[in-house]
Amino acid sequence: MKLSDAIYQRVKYFMNKNNMNSLWDLYRATGVPKATLNSLFSTRKSKIPKLTTLTQICDGLNTNLQEFFNDNIFKDVDDDM
């Protein structure tokens, strides 16, 4: 699995956990520009967010980077490059 796919799945997990159903909900909770969220969650899902952006997303999802990356999904990720 690509790192970008793993990040996408974790964000979706925390969105569901926080009863967020759309990117609009995520935008309102995080303040991350809609264009950035759209590029991260497009059908290609090939972009990896900057650490500052991911931190902002985690804050809006009521989690932190440690909890976000503390999942088996990240054990065998491939480089997106």
PDB file of N, CA and C in Angstrom:
ATOM      1  N   MET A   1       0.842  -1.171   0.000  1.00  0.00           N
ATOM      2  CA  MET A   1       0.000   0.000   0.000  1.00  0.00           C
ATOM      3  C   MET A   1       0.893   1.242   0.000  1.00  0.00           C
ATOM      4  N   LYS A   2       0.460   2.250  -0.734  1.00  0.00           N
ATOM      5  CA  LYS A   2       1.193   3.503  -0.770  1.00  0.00           C
ATOM      6  C   LYS A   2       0.940   4.298   0.508  1.00  0.00           C
ATOM      7  N   LEU A   3       1.909   5.119   0.887  1.00  0.00           N
ATOM      8  CA  LEU A   3       1.761   5.970   2.060  1.00  0.00           C
ATOM      9  C   LEU A   3       0.565   6.901   1.906  1.00  0.00           C
ATOM     10  N   SER A   4       0.377   7.449   0.720  1.00  0.00           N
ATOM     11  CA  SER A   4      -0.754   8.366   0.504  1.00  0.00           C
ATOM     12  C   SER A   4      -2.084   7.644   0.721  1.00  0.00           C
ATOM     13  N   ASP A   5      -2.184   6.393   0.324  1.00  0.00           N
ATOM     14  CA  ASP A   5      -3.411   5.617   0.540  1.00  0.00           C
ATOM     15  C   ASP A   5      -3.635   5.343   2.027  1.00  0.00           C
ATOM     16  N   ALA A   6      -2.568   5.039   2.743  1.00  0.00           N
ATOM     17  CA  ALA A   6      -2.679   4.778   4.176  1.00  0.00           C
ATOM     18  C   ALA A   6      -3.124   6.038   4.918  1.00  0.00           C
ATOM     19  N   ILE A   7      -2.554   7.179   4.555  1.00  0.00           N
ATOM     20  CA  ILE A   7      -2.949   8.443   5.178  1.00  0.00           C
ATOM     21  C   ILE A   7      -4.413   8.724   4.877  1.00  0.00           C
ATOM     22  N   TYR A   8      -4.816   8.535   3.631  1.00  0.00           N
ATOM     23  CA  TYR A   8      -6.211   8.742   3.231  1.00  0.00           C
ATOM     24  C   TYR A   8      -7.140   7.869   4.082  1.00  0.00           C
ATOM     25  N   GLN A   9      -6.796   6.600   4.242  1.00  0.00           N
ATOM     26  CA  GLN A   9      -7.651   5.694   5.012  1.00  0.00           C
ATOM     27  C   GLN A   9      -7.744   6.101   6.475  1.00  0.00           C
ATOM     28  N   ARG A  10      -6.633   6.567   7.034  1.00  0.00           N
ATOM     29  CA  ARG A  10      -6.659   6.995   8.438  1.00  0.00           C
ATOM     30  C   ARG A  10      -7.479   8.265   8.609  1.00  0.00           C
ATOM     31  N   VAL A  11      -7.354   9.196   7.687  1.00  0.00           N
ATOM     32  CA  VAL A  11      -8.166  10.410   7.768  1.00  0.00           C
ATOM     33  C   VAL A  11      -9.643  10.038   7.684  1.00  0.00           C
ATOM     34  N   LYS A  12      -9.985   9.160   6.749  1.00  0.00           N
ATOM     35  CA  LYS A  12     -11.376   8.722   6.628  1.00  0.00           C
ATOM     36  C   LYS A  12     -11.851   8.037   7.920  1.00  0.00           C
ATOM     37  N   TYR A  13     -10.992   7.234   8.545  1.00  0.00           N
ATOM     38  CA  TYR A  13     -11.335   6.579   9.806  1.00  0.00           C
ATOM     39  C   TYR A  13     -11.695   7.619  10.866  1.00  0.00           C
ATOM     40  N   PHE A  14     -10.815   8.628  11.020  1.00  0.00           N
ATOM     41  CA  PHE A  14     -11.062   9.645  12.042  1.00  0.00           C
ATOM     42  C   PHE A  14     -12.237  10.551  11.669  1.00  0.00           C
ATOM     43  N   MET A  15     -12.464  10.758  10.383  1.00  0.00           N
ATOM     44  CA  MET A  15     -13.658  11.508   9.973  1.00  0.00           C
ATOM     45  C   MET A  15     -14.905  10.763  10.403  1.00  0.00           C
ATOM     46  N   ASN A  16     -14.959   9.459  10.149  1.00  0.00           N
ATOM     47  CA  ASN A  16     -16.115   8.650  10.563  1.00  0.00           C
ATOM     48  C   ASN A  16     -16.282   8.666  12.076  1.00  0.00           C
ATOM     49  N   LYS A  17     -15.166   8.575  12.776  1.00  0.00           N
ATOM     50  CA  LYS A  17     -15.191   8.579  14.236  1.00  0.00           C
ATOM     51  C   LYS A  17     -15.774   9.892  14.770  1.00  0.00           C
ATOM     52  N   ASN A  18     -15.553  10.979  14.022  1.00  0.00           N
ATOM     53  CA  ASN A  18     -16.045  12.300  14.421  1.00  0.00           C
ATOM     54  C   ASN A  18     -17.325  12.701  13.686  1.00  0.00           C
ATOM     55  N   ASN A  19     -17.998  11.724  13.085  1.00  0.00           N
ATOM     56  CA  ASN A  19     -19.262  11.955  12.377  1.00  0.00           C
ATOM     57  C   ASN A  19     -19.146  13.023  11.297  1.00  0.00           C
ATOM     58  N   MET A  20     -18.030  13.002  10.572  1.00  0.00           N
ATOM     59  CA  MET A  20     -17.840  13.907   9.441  1.00  0.00           C
ATOM     60  C   MET A  20     -18.094  13.111   8.170  1.00  0.00           C
ATOM     61  N   ASN A  21     -18.974  13.632   7.327  1.00  0.00           N
ATOM     62  CA  ASN A  21     -19.375  12.885   6.141  1.00  0.00           C
ATOM     63  C   ASN A  21     -18.818  13.428   4.841  1.00  0.00           C
ATOM     64  N   SER A  22     -18.177  14.590   4.893  1.00  0.00           N
ATOM     65  CA  SER A  22     -17.730  15.203   3.648  1.00  0.00           C
ATOM     66  C   SER A  22     -16.455  16.005   3.862  1.00  0.00           C
ATOM     67  N   LEU A  23     -15.833  16.364   2.754  1.00  0.00           N
ATOM     68  CA  LEU A  23     -14.662  17.234   2.830  1.00  0.00           C
ATOM     69  C   LEU A  23     -15.043  18.608   3.364  1.00  0.00           C
ATOM     70  N   TRP A  24     -16.274  19.019   3.131  1.00  0.00           N
ATOM     71  CA  TRP A  24     -16.748  20.289   3.686  1.00  0.00           C
ATOM     72  C   TRP A  24     -16.692  20.233   5.219  1.00  0.00           C
ATOM     73  N   ASP A  25     -17.127  19.126   5.805  1.00  0.00           N
ATOM     74  CA  ASP A  25     -17.043  18.963   7.264  1.00  0.00           C
ATOM     75  C   ASP A  25     -15.597  19.035   7.726  1.00  0.00           C
ATOM     76  N   LEU A  26     -14.711  18.367   6.991  1.00  0.00           N
ATOM     77  CA  LEU A  26     -13.294  18.372   7.350  1.00  0.00           C
ATOM     78  C   LEU A  26     -12.716  19.779   7.215  1.00  0.00           C
ATOM     79  N   TYR A  27     -13.079  20.481   6.169  1.00  0.00           N
ATOM     80  CA  TYR A  27     -12.628  21.855   5.967  1.00  0.00           C
ATOM     81  C   TYR A  27     -13.064  22.736   7.136  1.00  0.00           C
ATOM     82  N   ARG A  28     -14.323  22.635   7.522  1.00  0.00           N
ATOM     83  CA  ARG A  28     -14.820  23.467   8.619  1.00  0.00           C
ATOM     84  C   ARG A  28     -14.116  23.147   9.930  1.00  0.00           C
ATOM     85  N   ALA A  29     -13.767  21.884  10.153  1.00  0.00           N
ATOM     86  CA  ALA A  29     -13.120  21.482  11.407  1.00  0.00           C
ATOM     87  C   ALA A  29     -11.638  21.826  11.440  1.00  0.00           C
ATOM     88  N   THR A  30     -11.002  21.867  10.258  1.00  0.00           N
ATOM     89  CA  THR A  30      -9.546  22.021  10.234  1.00  0.00           C
ATOM     90  C   THR A  30      -9.067  23.376   9.744  1.00  0.00           C
ATOM     91  N   GLY A  31      -9.828  24.001   8.878  1.00  0.00           N
ATOM     92  CA  GLY A  31      -9.374  25.244   8.269  1.00  0.00           C
ATOM     93  C   GLY A  31      -8.374  25.037   7.149  1.00  0.00           C
ATOM     94  N   VAL A  32      -8.088  23.786   6.822  1.00  0.00           N
ATOM     95  CA  VAL A  32      -7.192  23.487   5.701  1.00  0.00           C
ATOM     96  C   VAL A  32      -7.935  23.893   4.427  1.00  0.00           C
ATOM     97  N   PRO A  33      -7.278  24.634   3.534  1.00  0.00           N
ATOM     98  CA  PRO A  33      -7.968  25.088   2.322  1.00  0.00           C
ATOM     99  C   PRO A  33      -8.632  23.938   1.567  1.00  0.00           C
ATOM    100  N   LYS A  34      -9.818  24.234   1.040  1.00  0.00           N
ATOM    101  CA  LYS A  34     -10.583  23.215   0.316  1.00  0.00           C
ATOM    102  C   LYS A  34      -9.797  22.665  -0.872  1.00  0.00           C
ATOM    103  N   ALA A  35      -9.033  23.517  -1.537  1.00  0.00           N
ATOM    104  CA  ALA A  35      -8.237  23.056  -2.681  1.00  0.00           C
ATOM    105  C   ALA A  35      -7.196  22.034  -2.236  1.00  0.00           C
ATOM    106  N   THR A  36      -6.612  22.238  -1.073  1.00  0.00           N
ATOM    107  CA  THR A  36      -5.629  21.291  -0.544  1.00  0.00           C
ATOM    108  C   THR A  36      -6.298  19.967  -0.214  1.00  0.00           C
ATOM    109  N   LEU A  37      -7.440  20.033   0.438  1.00  0.00           N
ATOM    110  CA  LEU A  37      -8.161  18.800   0.772  1.00  0.00           C
ATOM    111  C   LEU A  37      -8.595  18.066  -0.491  1.00  0.00           C
ATOM    112  N   ASN A  38      -9.066  18.809  -1.479  1.00  0.00           N
ATOM    113  CA  ASN A  38      -9.469  18.176  -2.739  1.00  0.00           C
ATOM    114  C   ASN A  38      -8.303  17.465  -3.400  1.00  0.00           C
ATOM    115  N   SER A  39      -7.132  18.068  -3.383  1.00  0.00           N
ATOM    116  CA  SER A  39      -5.980  17.420  -4.023  1.00  0.00           C
ATOM    117  C   SER A  39      -5.519  16.202  -3.228  1.00  0.00           C
ATOM    118  N   LEU A  40      -5.684  16.240  -1.919  1.00  0.00           N
ATOM    119  CA  LEU A  40      -5.285  15.092  -1.089  1.00  0.00           C
ATOM    120  C   LEU A  40      -6.257  13.934  -1.231  1.00  0.00           C
ATOM    121  N   PHE A  41      -7.513  14.235  -1.507  1.00  0.00           N
ATOM    122  CA  PHE A  41      -8.537  13.199  -1.525  1.00  0.00           C
ATOM    123  C   PHE A  41      -9.160  12.996  -2.895  1.00  0.00           C
ATOM    124  N   SER A  42      -8.456  13.403  -3.916  1.00  0.00           N
ATOM    125  CA  SER A  42      -8.941  13.153  -5.266  1.00  0.00           C
ATOM    126  C   SER A  42      -8.894  11.647  -5.528  1.00  0.00           C
ATOM    127  N   THR A  43      -9.436  11.230  -6.631  1.00  0.00           N
ATOM    128  CA  THR A  43      -9.465   9.799  -6.936  1.00  0.00           C
ATOM    129  C   THR A  43      -8.063   9.230  -7.086  1.00  0.00           C
ATOM    130  N   ARG A  44      -7.089  10.084  -7.384  1.00  0.00           N
ATOM    131  CA  ARG A  44      -5.713   9.610  -7.514  1.00  0.00           C
ATOM    132  C   ARG A  44      -5.078   9.358  -6.147  1.00  0.00           C
ATOM    133  N   LYS A  45      -5.423  10.170  -5.161  1.00  0.00           N
ATOM    134  CA  LYS A  45      -4.870  10.058  -3.803  1.00  0.00           C
ATOM    135  C   LYS A  45      -3.351   9.865  -3.815  1.00  0.00           C
ATOM    136  N   SER A  46      -2.667  10.603  -4.657  1.00  0.00           N
ATOM    137  CA  SER A  46      -1.234  10.388  -4.781  1.00  0.00           C
ATOM    138  C   SER A  46      -0.413  11.446  -4.056  1.00  0.00           C
ATOM    139  N   LYS A  47      -1.070  12.399  -3.436  1.00  0.00           N
ATOM    140  CA  LYS A  47      -0.343  13.438  -2.741  1.00  0.00           C
ATOM    141  C   LYS A  47      -0.201  13.094  -1.269  1.00  0.00           C
ATOM    142  N   ILE A  48       0.961  13.381  -0.736  1.00  0.00           N
ATOM    143  CA  ILE A  48       1.204  13.220   0.688  1.00  0.00           C
ATOM    144  C   ILE A  48       1.202  14.615   1.295  1.00  0.00           C
ATOM    145  N   PRO A  49       0.375  14.848   2.307  1.00  0.00           N
ATOM    146  CA  PRO A  49       0.312  16.197   2.877  1.00  0.00           C
ATOM    147  C   PRO A  49       1.596  16.561   3.614  1.00  0.00           C
ATOM    148  N   LYS A  50       1.865  17.849   3.656  1.00  0.00           N
ATOM    149  CA  LYS A  50       2.982  18.338   4.467  1.00  0.00           C
ATOM    150  C   LYS A  50       2.671  18.034   5.924  1.00  0.00           C
ATOM    151  N   LEU A  51       3.705  17.933   6.725  1.00  0.00           N
ATOM    152  CA  LEU A  51       3.528  17.624   8.138  1.00  0.00           C
ATOM    153  C   LEU A  51       2.677  18.682   8.829  1.00  0.00           C
ATOM    154  N   THR A  52       2.873  19.941   8.486  1.00  0.00           N
ATOM    155  CA  THR A  52       2.063  21.002   9.102  1.00  0.00           C
ATOM    156  C   THR A  52       0.589  20.853   8.731  1.00  0.00           C
ATOM    157  N   THR A  53       0.315  20.469   7.498  1.00  0.00           N
ATOM    158  CA  THR A  53      -1.064  20.252   7.068  1.00  0.00           C
ATOM    159  C   THR A  53      -1.672  19.056   7.788  1.00  0.00           C
ATOM    160  N   LEU A  54      -0.909  17.982   7.896  1.00  0.00           N
ATOM    161  CA  LEU A  54      -1.413  16.786   8.570  1.00  0.00           C
ATOM    162  C   LEU A  54      -1.653  17.070  10.054  1.00  0.00           C
ATOM    163  N   THR A  55      -0.799  17.873  10.660  1.00  0.00           N
ATOM    164  CA  THR A  55      -0.999  18.257  12.057  1.00  0.00           C
ATOM    165  C   THR A  55      -2.294  19.043  12.212  1.00  0.00           C
ATOM    166  N   GLN A  56      -2.548  19.956  11.284  1.00  0.00           N
ATOM    167  CA  GLN A  56      -3.779  20.746  11.301  1.00  0.00           C
ATOM    168  C   GLN A  56      -5.000  19.837  11.115  1.00  0.00           C
ATOM    169  N   ILE A  57      -4.891  18.860  10.237  1.00  0.00           N
ATOM    170  CA  ILE A  57      -5.983  17.898  10.027  1.00  0.00           C
ATOM    171  C   ILE A  57      -6.213  17.090  11.305  1.00  0.00           C
ATOM    172  N   CYS A  58      -5.132  16.624  11.917  1.00  0.00           N
ATOM    173  CA  CYS A  58      -5.261  15.851  13.157  1.00  0.00           C
ATOM    174  C   CYS A  58      -5.933  16.680  14.252  1.00  0.00           C
ATOM    175  N   ASP A  59      -5.547  17.951  14.370  1.00  0.00           N
ATOM    176  CA  ASP A  59      -6.177  18.814  15.373  1.00  0.00           C
ATOM    177  C   ASP A  59      -7.684  18.883  15.155  1.00  0.00           C
ATOM    178  N   GLY A  60      -8.095  19.054  13.906  1.00  0.00           N
ATOM    179  CA  GLY A  60      -9.515  19.136  13.587  1.00  0.00           C
ATOM    180  C   GLY A  60     -10.249  17.821  13.782  1.00  0.00           C
ATOM    181  N   LEU A  61      -9.504  16.721  13.758  1.00  0.00           N
ATOM    182  CA  LEU A  61     -10.096  15.397  13.952  1.00  0.00           C
ATOM    183  C   LEU A  61      -9.965  14.910  15.392  1.00  0.00           C
ATOM    184  N   ASN A  62      -9.571  15.812  16.277  1.00  0.00           N
ATOM    185  CA  ASN A  62      -9.443  15.503  17.709  1.00  0.00           C
ATOM    186  C   ASN A  62      -8.479  14.358  17.979  1.00  0.00           C
ATOM    187  N   THR A  63      -7.359  14.385  17.288  1.00  0.00           N
ATOM    188  CA  THR A  63      -6.316  13.392  17.505  1.00  0.00           C
ATOM    189  C   THR A  63      -4.968  14.084  17.393  1.00  0.00           C
ATOM    190  N   ASN A  64      -3.908  13.303  17.489  1.00  0.00           N
ATOM    191  CA  ASN A  64      -2.566  13.854  17.321  1.00  0.00           C
ATOM    192  C   ASN A  64      -1.792  12.945  16.375  1.00  0.00           C
ATOM    193  N   LEU A  65      -0.613  13.386  15.980  1.00  0.00           N
ATOM    194  CA  LEU A  65       0.169  12.618  15.014  1.00  0.00           C
ATOM    195  C   LEU A  65       0.528  11.233  15.534  1.00  0.00           C
ATOM    196  N   GLN A  66       0.833  11.133  16.824  1.00  0.00           N
ATOM    197  CA  GLN A  66       1.198   9.835  17.384  1.00  0.00           C
ATOM    198  C   GLN A  66       0.039   8.850  17.261  1.00  0.00           C
ATOM    199  N   GLU A  67      -1.142   9.270  17.640  1.00  0.00           N
ATOM    200  CA  GLU A  67      -2.315   8.386  17.533  1.00  0.00           C
ATOM    201  C   GLU A  67      -2.644   8.105  16.062  1.00  0.00           C
ATOM    202  N   PHE A  68      -2.500   9.120  15.217  1.00  0.00           N
ATOM    203  CA  PHE A  68      -2.803   8.964  13.801  1.00  0.00           C
ATOM    204  C   PHE A  68      -1.946   7.868  13.172  1.00  0.00           C
ATOM    205  N   PHE A  69      -0.639   7.889  13.455  1.00  0.00           N
ATOM    206  CA  PHE A  69       0.268   6.924  12.842  1.00  0.00           C
ATOM    207  C   PHE A  69       0.398   5.620  13.621  1.00  0.00           C
ATOM    208  N   ASN A  70      -0.252   5.517  14.767  1.00  0.00           N
ATOM    209  CA  ASN A  70      -0.199   4.307  15.585  1.00  0.00           C
ATOM    210  C   ASN A  70      -1.241   3.303  15.083  1.00  0.00           C
ATOM    211  N   ASP A  71      -0.969   2.735  13.920  1.00  0.00           N
ATOM    212  CA  ASP A  71      -1.895   1.768  13.320  1.00  0.00           C
ATOM    213  C   ASP A  71      -1.098   0.828  12.433  1.00  0.00           C
ATOM    214  N   ASN A  72      -1.518  -0.416  12.367  1.00  0.00           N
ATOM    215  CA  ASN A  72      -0.816  -1.409  11.560  1.00  0.00           C
ATOM    216  C   ASN A  72      -0.799  -1.077  10.073  1.00  0.00           C
ATOM    217  N   ILE A  73      -1.678  -0.215   9.627  1.00  0.00           N
ATOM    218  CA  ILE A  73      -1.732   0.140   8.214  1.00  0.00           C
ATOM    219  C   ILE A  73      -0.406   0.757   7.734  1.00  0.00           C
ATOM    220  N   PHE A  74       0.346   1.343   8.664  1.00  0.00           N
ATOM    221  CA  PHE A  74       1.608   1.992   8.299  1.00  0.00           C
ATOM    222  C   PHE A  74       2.818   1.062   8.374  1.00  0.00           C
ATOM    223  N   LYS A  75       2.635  -0.175   8.767  1.00  0.00           N
ATOM    224  CA  LYS A  75       3.773  -1.093   8.924  1.00  0.00           C
ATOM    225  C   LYS A  75       4.434  -1.459   7.607  1.00  0.00           C
ATOM    226  N   ASP A  76       3.668  -1.629   6.568  1.00  0.00           N
ATOM    227  CA  ASP A  76       4.224  -2.083   5.286  1.00  0.00           C
ATOM    228  C   ASP A  76       3.868  -1.150   4.135  1.00  0.00           C
ATOM    229  N   VAL A  77       4.037   0.151   4.368  1.00  0.00           N
ATOM    230  CA  VAL A  77       3.712   1.091   3.284  1.00  0.00           C
ATOM    231  C   VAL A  77       4.873   1.204   2.322  1.00  0.00           C
ATOM    232  N   ASP A  78       4.537   1.476   1.066  1.00  0.00           N
ATOM    233  CA  ASP A  78       5.526   1.690   0.025  1.00  0.00           C
ATOM    234  C   ASP A  78       5.690   3.183  -0.188  1.00  0.00           C
ATOM    235  N   ASP A  79       6.841   3.546  -0.690  1.00  0.00           N
ATOM    236  CA  ASP A  79       7.103   4.931  -1.040  1.00  0.00           C
ATOM    237  C   ASP A  79       6.250   5.297  -2.249  1.00  0.00           C
ATOM    238  N   ASP A  80       5.656   6.479  -2.220  1.00  0.00           N
ATOM    239  CA  ASP A  80       4.819   6.925  -3.325  1.00  0.00           C
ATOM    240  C   ASP A  80       5.643   7.325  -4.546  1.00  0.00           C
ATOM    241  N   MET A  81       6.902   7.552  -4.377  1.00  0.00           N
ATOM    242  CA  MET A  81       7.726   8.015  -5.486  1.00  0.00           C
ATOM    243  C   MET A  81       7.975   6.897  -6.417  1.00  0.00           C
TER     244      MET A  81
END
